[in-house]
Amino acid sequence: MKYRDEYRDPELADRLIRAIRQRSRTPVRLMEVCGTHTVAIFRAGIKTLLPETITLISGPGCPVCVTAQEDIDRAIALCREPGVTVATFGDLMRVPGSESSLHQEKARGADVRMVYASLDALDLARRLPHRRVVMLGIGFETTVPTIAAAVRQAKQEGLTNFLVLSAHKLLPPAMEVLLSAAEVRIDGFLCPGHVTTIIGTEPYQDVVKRHGKPCVVSGFEPVDILQSIHMLICQLEEGRREVEIQYTRAVHPQGNPRARALMDEVFEPADSAWRGLGKIPGSGLKLRPAYAAHGAENHFALTVPPGREMPGCRCGEVLRGACTPLDCPLFRQRCTPTQPYGPCMVSTEGTCAAYFKYHTA
């Protein structure tokens, strides 16, 4: 299959591994900030193929995982409201809130529906005119245009019962926070292919200019990732600091102008709280005044107490790259995919879930 088989070619992968070993002279720590990369790295066994000079660190690349506890609690509070139908992507259902989860609330009778796209939630609003349908806006820049399209369509159709609870996250501000904190040494970034197809490469320029860290936008197949690592090593060894695109078959420097225009029409930047990283200025999105009537926060009192993290859960540190799941005493003990204790074990993009499924050493 084109763009799959050639990026899983063992001979090509072997040549790249040899090239990485030849170029890698000094110890470096590279962070992937995409949960799909984390899973792909583990599934292909890439960490075991690299020289000891290269350490790969998993960052805050799982949108469900970085959703703040308070936002989970708001979603749970919403589904308890009379006449409300909550629509959500499936991996959010089992994320523990302070006292419950959407999955538990559904079992108790709340109307919580799993959807595969925001337009599914829009269709629910059409079919349930006497209920308020609230789409949970969870995700990075990849999913924002689809939510924006649904909000604009709802306004055009006069569907006043279609609402959005926006907890969207923007990745570049989080990358800057990670570098500014200096808790973990990061020498370069594997940047997310999905996100960058939308936003382009310009948002990463501050990471390069202010912090002097190279960035390579990577695809998701084994050869993609190996080539991206090689590109980062070449930059570091040659003293270059640039934003490069390995994933050229999908990513353009300008991103997707139409998708960005739609995002900018419907949403505007806002401060946002991240699990493990705290409140980051300008790292979230809220509806612009022209679309504020579709904001769930304007229809319900959504003030909730400060979220209570699960005792002993180290998801926040895992998301910062400050530790691995193996450092958490709950991992594989109290926290498993069938009984997750923290969000990093729930989502298929979560670092703990990847370690549980693929890590054997």
Protein backbone atom coordinates (compact mmCIF):
# COMPACT_ATOMS: atom_id res chain seq x y z
CA MET A 1 0.00 0.00 0.00
CA LYS A 2 1.45 3.37 -1.03
CA TYR A 3 2.77 5.45 1.87
CA ARG A 4 2.66 2.46 4.17
CA ASP A 5 4.79 -0.38 2.89
CA GLU A 6 7.70 1.84 1.86
CA TYR A 7 7.69 3.45 5.30
CA ARG A 8 7.91 0.02 6.93
CA ASP A 9 10.76 -1.20 4.71
CA PRO A 10 13.22 -3.12 6.97
CA GLU A 11 16.22 -2.40 4.74
CA LEU A 12 15.51 1.33 4.68
CA ALA A 13 14.98 1.31 8.45
CA ASP A 14 18.29 -0.51 8.93
CA ARG A 15 20.14 2.09 6.84
CA LEU A 16 18.62 4.89 8.90
CA ILE A 17 19.55 3.20 12.18
CA ARG A 18 23.16 2.87 11.01
CA ALA A 19 23.17 6.52 9.93
CA ILE A 20 21.82 7.61 13.33
CA ARG A 21 24.50 5.62 15.14
CA GLN A 22 27.22 7.14 12.98
CA ARG A 23 26.04 10.72 13.52
CA SER A 24 25.10 10.48 17.22
CA ARG A 25 28.21 11.37 19.21
CA THR A 26 26.94 13.20 22.30
CA PRO A 27 24.01 12.30 24.60
CA VAL A 28 20.75 13.95 23.55
CA ARG A 29 17.19 13.88 24.87
CA LEU A 30 14.41 14.19 22.30
CA MET A 31 10.75 14.65 23.20
CA GLU A 32 7.81 13.56 21.08
CA VAL A 33 4.76 15.72 21.76
CA CYS A 34 2.22 13.50 20.05
CA GLY A 35 0.53 10.50 21.58
CA THR A 36 0.35 8.77 18.20
CA HIS A 37 4.14 9.05 17.97
CA THR A 38 4.49 7.57 21.46
CA VAL A 39 2.42 4.53 20.52
CA ALA A 40 4.20 4.13 17.17
CA ILE A 41 7.62 4.32 18.83
CA PHE A 42 6.71 1.56 21.28
CA ARG A 43 4.89 -0.60 18.75
CA ALA A 44 7.87 -0.58 16.37
CA GLY A 45 10.42 -1.07 19.17
CA ILE A 46 12.30 2.05 18.07
CA LYS A 47 13.77 2.78 21.51
CA THR A 48 15.55 -0.57 21.51
CA LEU A 49 17.16 0.19 18.13
CA LEU A 50 18.72 3.51 19.03
CA PRO A 51 22.20 4.04 20.46
CA GLU A 52 22.57 4.76 24.17
CA THR A 53 23.35 8.39 23.36
CA ILE A 54 19.71 9.02 22.38
CA THR A 55 16.90 9.15 24.92
CA LEU A 56 13.31 9.53 23.75
CA ILE A 57 10.93 11.26 26.18
CA SER A 58 7.15 11.15 25.92
CA GLY A 59 5.54 14.57 26.42
CA PRO A 60 2.03 16.02 26.76
CA GLY A 61 0.82 14.63 23.45
CA CYS A 62 -2.43 13.01 24.55
CA PRO A 63 -5.33 15.53 24.55
CA VAL A 64 -7.49 13.46 26.87
CA CYS A 65 -4.60 13.03 29.30
CA VAL A 66 -3.80 16.75 29.56
CA THR A 67 -7.44 17.73 30.11
CA ALA A 68 -7.56 19.26 33.59
CA GLN A 69 -9.42 17.47 36.35
CA GLU A 70 -11.74 20.48 36.69
CA ASP A 71 -12.79 20.16 33.05
CA ILE A 72 -13.60 16.48 33.53
CA ASP A 73 -15.66 17.44 36.58
CA ARG A 74 -17.49 20.12 34.55
CA ALA A 75 -18.39 17.55 31.92
CA ILE A 76 -19.72 15.23 34.63
CA ALA A 77 -21.71 18.07 36.17
CA LEU A 78 -23.22 18.85 32.76
CA CYS A 79 -24.50 15.32 32.20
CA ARG A 80 -26.34 15.54 35.54
CA GLU A 81 -28.31 18.59 34.34
CA PRO A 82 -31.98 17.91 33.43
CA GLY A 83 -32.67 17.76 29.72
CA VAL A 84 -28.99 17.57 28.73
CA THR A 85 -27.39 15.11 26.34
CA VAL A 86 -23.59 15.04 26.48
CA ALA A 87 -21.78 13.98 23.31
CA THR A 88 -18.14 12.96 23.58
CA PHE A 89 -15.37 11.08 21.87
CA GLY A 90 -15.03 7.59 23.33
CA ASP A 91 -11.67 7.83 25.06
CA LEU A 92 -12.97 10.49 27.45
CA MET A 93 -15.72 8.25 28.80
CA ARG A 94 -13.57 6.36 31.31
CA VAL A 95 -11.27 9.17 32.47
CA PRO A 96 -11.73 9.45 36.24
CA GLY A 97 -13.00 12.75 37.57
CA SER A 98 -12.72 13.72 41.21
CA GLU A 99 -15.64 11.50 42.20
CA SER A 100 -17.00 9.81 39.08
CA SER A 101 -16.58 9.41 35.31
CA LEU A 102 -18.81 9.89 32.29
CA HIS A 103 -18.97 6.11 31.96
CA GLN A 104 -20.24 5.77 35.53
CA GLU A 105 -22.75 8.59 35.03
CA LYS A 106 -24.10 6.88 31.92
CA ALA A 107 -24.51 3.66 33.88
CA ARG A 108 -26.53 5.65 36.43
CA GLY A 109 -28.90 6.91 33.75
CA ALA A 110 -27.31 10.09 32.39
CA ASP A 111 -27.71 10.66 28.65
CA VAL A 112 -24.08 10.42 27.53
CA ARG A 113 -23.53 9.54 23.89
CA MET A 114 -20.27 8.48 22.26
CA VAL A 115 -19.78 10.12 18.87
CA TYR A 116 -17.12 9.72 16.20
CA ALA A 117 -17.32 13.28 14.85
CA SER A 118 -18.71 16.66 15.85
CA LEU A 119 -21.26 16.42 13.03
CA ASP A 120 -22.71 13.36 14.79
CA ALA A 121 -23.40 15.61 17.79
CA LEU A 122 -24.93 18.21 15.47
CA ASP A 123 -27.25 15.54 14.10
CA LEU A 124 -28.25 14.64 17.66
CA ALA A 125 -29.28 18.26 18.22
CA ARG A 126 -31.46 18.11 15.11
CA ARG A 127 -33.10 14.85 16.22
CA LEU A 128 -33.53 15.92 19.87
CA PRO A 129 -34.92 19.47 19.61
CA HIS A 130 -36.25 19.42 23.18
CA ARG A 131 -32.88 18.55 24.69
CA ARG A 132 -29.69 20.56 24.90
CA VAL A 133 -26.89 18.63 23.24
CA VAL A 134 -23.44 19.53 24.59
CA MET A 135 -20.42 18.48 22.56
CA LEU A 136 -17.30 18.16 24.69
CA GLY A 137 -14.58 20.04 22.80
CA ILE A 138 -11.54 18.00 23.78
CA GLY A 139 -8.48 17.86 21.56
CA PHE A 140 -5.57 19.67 19.99
CA GLU A 141 -5.59 21.77 16.83
CA THR A 142 -6.38 18.69 14.73
CA THR A 143 -9.98 18.44 15.91
CA VAL A 144 -10.76 22.13 16.39
CA PRO A 145 -11.77 22.85 12.76
CA THR A 146 -14.39 20.10 12.87
CA ILE A 147 -15.89 21.53 16.06
CA ALA A 148 -15.79 25.01 14.54
CA ALA A 149 -17.60 23.75 11.44
CA ALA A 150 -20.33 22.21 13.60
CA VAL A 151 -20.77 25.43 15.60
CA ARG A 152 -21.02 27.54 12.45
CA GLN A 153 -23.51 25.13 10.90
CA ALA A 154 -25.60 25.15 14.09
CA LYS A 155 -25.74 28.95 13.98
CA GLN A 156 -26.73 28.95 10.33
CA GLU A 157 -29.52 26.45 10.99
CA GLY A 158 -30.68 28.17 14.17
CA LEU A 159 -30.00 25.08 16.28
CA THR A 160 -29.91 26.85 19.62
CA ASN A 161 -29.85 23.53 21.47
CA PHE A 162 -26.38 22.66 20.13
CA LEU A 163 -23.71 23.71 22.64
CA VAL A 164 -19.98 23.19 23.06
CA LEU A 165 -17.91 22.93 26.22
CA SER A 166 -14.50 23.99 24.93
CA ALA A 167 -11.46 22.48 26.59
CA HIS A 168 -9.32 22.56 23.47
CA LYS A 169 -5.55 22.80 23.81
CA LEU A 170 -2.87 24.41 21.62
CA LEU A 171 0.42 22.52 21.64
CA PRO A 172 3.14 25.15 20.93
CA PRO A 173 2.51 27.12 24.18
CA ALA A 174 2.91 23.90 26.16
CA MET A 175 6.24 23.20 24.45
CA GLU A 176 7.49 26.60 25.57
CA VAL A 177 6.37 25.96 29.15
CA LEU A 178 8.26 22.66 29.19
CA LEU A 179 11.43 24.41 28.06
CA SER A 180 11.01 27.38 30.40
CA ALA A 181 10.54 25.15 33.45
CA ALA A 182 13.85 23.35 32.80
CA GLU A 183 12.60 20.43 34.92
CA VAL A 184 13.55 18.07 32.13
CA ARG A 185 16.39 18.62 29.70
CA ILE A 186 15.03 18.60 26.15
CA ASP A 187 17.44 18.95 23.24
CA GLY A 188 14.92 18.73 20.41
CA PHE A 189 11.32 17.98 19.51
CA LEU A 190 9.58 15.47 17.30
CA CYS A 191 6.59 17.63 16.36
CA PRO A 192 3.14 16.20 15.64
CA GLY A 193 2.22 15.54 12.02
CA HIS A 194 -1.55 15.72 12.55
CA VAL A 195 -1.48 19.06 14.34
CA THR A 196 1.00 20.59 11.91
CA THR A 197 -1.14 19.74 8.89
CA ILE A 198 -3.49 22.37 10.33
CA ILE A 199 -1.25 25.03 11.92
CA GLY A 200 1.86 24.80 9.73
CA THR A 201 5.39 25.30 11.02
CA GLU A 202 5.31 28.99 12.03
CA PRO A 203 4.05 28.33 15.61
CA TYR A 204 7.24 26.34 16.33
CA GLN A 205 9.56 29.18 15.36
CA ASP A 206 9.50 30.64 18.89
CA VAL A 207 10.75 27.33 20.26
CA VAL A 208 13.71 27.60 17.90
CA LYS A 209 14.37 31.34 18.27
CA ARG A 210 13.84 31.75 22.01
CA HIS A 211 15.09 28.40 23.24
CA GLY A 212 17.42 27.23 20.48
CA LYS A 213 15.80 23.81 20.18
CA PRO A 214 15.46 22.10 16.79
CA CYS A 215 12.08 20.79 15.69
CA VAL A 216 11.24 18.15 13.08
CA VAL A 217 7.63 17.48 12.05
CA SER A 218 7.36 13.71 11.74
CA GLY A 219 5.05 11.18 10.18
CA PHE A 220 3.92 8.10 12.05
CA GLU A 221 5.40 5.05 10.34
CA PRO A 222 8.67 3.53 11.64
CA VAL A 223 10.79 4.96 8.81
CA ASP A 224 9.16 8.38 9.30
CA ILE A 225 10.20 8.45 12.94
CA LEU A 226 13.70 7.12 12.31
CA GLN A 227 14.27 9.68 9.56
CA SER A 228 13.00 12.45 11.85
CA ILE A 229 15.39 11.36 14.62
CA HIS A 230 18.22 11.38 12.09
CA MET A 231 17.26 14.90 11.00
CA LEU A 232 17.29 16.10 14.60
CA ILE A 233 20.66 14.47 15.28
CA CYS A 234 22.10 16.10 12.15
CA GLN A 235 20.88 19.52 13.29
CA LEU A 236 22.35 19.10 16.75
CA GLU A 237 25.69 17.74 15.55
CA GLU A 238 26.00 20.50 12.92
CA GLY A 239 24.98 23.29 15.31
CA ARG A 240 21.82 24.13 13.36
CA ARG A 241 18.52 25.06 15.00
CA GLU A 242 15.61 24.94 12.55
CA VAL A 243 12.06 23.75 11.99
CA GLU A 244 12.17 21.00 9.38
CA ILE A 245 9.41 18.87 7.87
CA GLN A 246 10.01 15.16 7.42
CA TYR A 247 6.29 14.49 6.83
CA THR A 248 6.30 16.34 3.50
CA ARG A 249 3.64 14.10 1.96
CA ALA A 250 1.05 15.62 4.30
CA VAL A 251 2.45 18.78 5.90
CA HIS A 252 3.09 22.14 4.25
CA PRO A 253 4.80 25.09 5.97
CA GLN A 254 1.60 27.15 5.74
CA GLY A 255 -0.55 24.34 7.13
CA ASN A 256 -4.19 24.36 6.04
CA PRO A 257 -5.24 28.01 5.55
CA ARG A 258 -8.95 27.18 5.19
CA ALA A 259 -9.00 25.16 8.40
CA ARG A 260 -7.10 27.87 10.27
CA ALA A 261 -9.47 30.53 8.95
CA LEU A 262 -12.45 28.52 10.20
CA MET A 263 -10.81 28.10 13.61
CA ASP A 264 -10.10 31.83 13.83
CA GLU A 265 -13.65 32.72 12.79
CA VAL A 266 -15.29 30.65 15.54
CA PHE A 267 -12.68 30.53 18.33
CA GLU A 268 -10.26 32.90 19.99
CA PRO A 269 -7.30 32.13 22.28
CA ALA A 270 -7.88 31.79 26.01
CA ASP A 271 -5.90 30.74 29.06
CA SER A 272 -6.27 27.06 29.79
CA ALA A 273 -5.41 24.65 32.60
CA TRP A 274 -3.41 21.54 31.71
CA ARG A 275 -3.03 18.44 33.81
CA GLY A 276 0.55 18.38 35.01
CA LEU A 277 1.46 21.78 33.56
CA GLY A 278 -0.95 24.16 35.28
CA LYS A 279 -2.58 27.17 33.65
CA ILE A 280 -0.85 28.23 30.43
CA PRO A 281 -1.71 31.65 28.95
CA GLY A 282 -3.14 31.52 25.45
CA SER A 283 -3.03 27.74 25.25
CA GLY A 284 -6.78 27.16 24.99
CA LEU A 285 -9.72 28.33 22.91
CA LYS A 286 -13.10 29.85 23.65
CA LEU A 287 -15.96 30.79 21.35
CA ARG A 288 -15.86 34.28 19.93
CA PRO A 289 -18.73 36.65 20.89
CA ALA A 290 -20.51 36.02 17.58
CA TYR A 291 -20.84 32.34 18.54
CA ALA A 292 -21.06 32.68 22.32
CA ALA A 293 -24.70 31.54 22.33
CA HIS A 294 -23.39 28.05 21.61
CA GLY A 295 -21.03 28.04 24.60
CA ALA A 296 -22.20 25.69 27.34
CA GLU A 297 -20.66 27.97 29.98
CA ASN A 298 -23.22 30.64 29.03
CA HIS A 299 -26.17 28.33 29.76
CA PHE A 300 -25.09 26.51 32.91
CA ALA A 301 -23.38 27.32 36.17
CA LEU A 302 -20.24 25.29 35.58
CA THR A 303 -18.23 26.33 38.63
CA VAL A 304 -16.82 23.21 40.25
CA PRO A 305 -14.51 22.76 43.25
CA PRO A 306 -10.79 22.39 42.56
CA GLY A 307 -10.19 18.98 41.07
CA ARG A 308 -8.85 16.26 43.33
CA GLU A 309 -6.15 14.15 41.72
CA MET A 310 -6.15 10.45 42.48
CA PRO A 311 -3.78 9.80 45.41
CA GLY A 312 -0.46 8.46 44.20
CA CYS A 313 -1.20 9.02 40.50
CA ARG A 314 1.85 10.43 38.67
CA CYS A 315 0.17 11.22 35.35
CA GLY A 316 1.10 14.89 35.66
CA GLU A 317 4.79 14.05 35.94
CA VAL A 318 4.56 11.57 33.08
CA LEU A 319 3.02 14.26 30.87
CA ARG A 320 5.92 16.61 31.67
CA GLY A 321 8.47 13.91 30.93
CA ALA A 322 9.67 14.12 34.54
CA CYS A 323 9.17 10.40 35.06
CA THR A 324 8.04 7.32 33.18
CA PRO A 325 5.10 5.07 34.06
CA LEU A 326 7.62 2.58 35.44
CA ASP A 327 8.34 5.08 38.22
CA CYS A 328 4.70 5.08 39.36
CA PRO A 329 3.89 2.55 42.11
CA LEU A 330 0.33 2.22 40.77
CA PHE A 331 1.44 1.15 37.28
CA ARG A 332 0.36 -2.43 36.47
CA GLN A 333 -0.82 -2.75 40.09
CA ARG A 334 -3.85 -0.61 40.88
CA CYS A 335 -3.76 1.08 37.48
CA THR A 336 -4.45 -1.07 34.39
CA PRO A 337 -6.36 -0.51 31.13
CA THR A 338 -9.37 -2.40 32.49
CA GLN A 339 -9.31 -0.40 35.75
CA PRO A 340 -7.53 2.88 34.96
CA TYR A 341 -6.53 5.04 37.89
CA GLY A 342 -5.34 7.97 35.79
CA PRO A 343 -6.02 9.35 32.30
CA CYS A 344 -2.66 8.26 30.84
CA MET A 345 -3.85 4.66 31.15
CA VAL A 346 -7.27 5.37 29.59
CA SER A 347 -6.54 6.83 26.19
CA THR A 348 -5.00 4.75 23.43
CA GLU A 349 -2.57 7.68 23.02
CA GLY A 350 -1.64 7.73 26.69
CA THR A 351 1.96 7.03 27.67
CA CYS A 352 0.96 4.64 30.46
CA ALA A 353 -1.26 2.65 28.08
CA ALA A 354 1.64 2.42 25.59
CA TYR A 355 4.05 1.23 28.30
CA PHE A 356 1.50 -1.31 29.56
CA LYS A 357 0.92 -2.79 26.10
CA TYR A 358 4.42 -2.71 24.64
CA HIS A 359 7.07 -2.32 27.33
CA THR A 360 8.47 -5.67 28.41
CA ALA A 361 11.86 -4.89 30.00
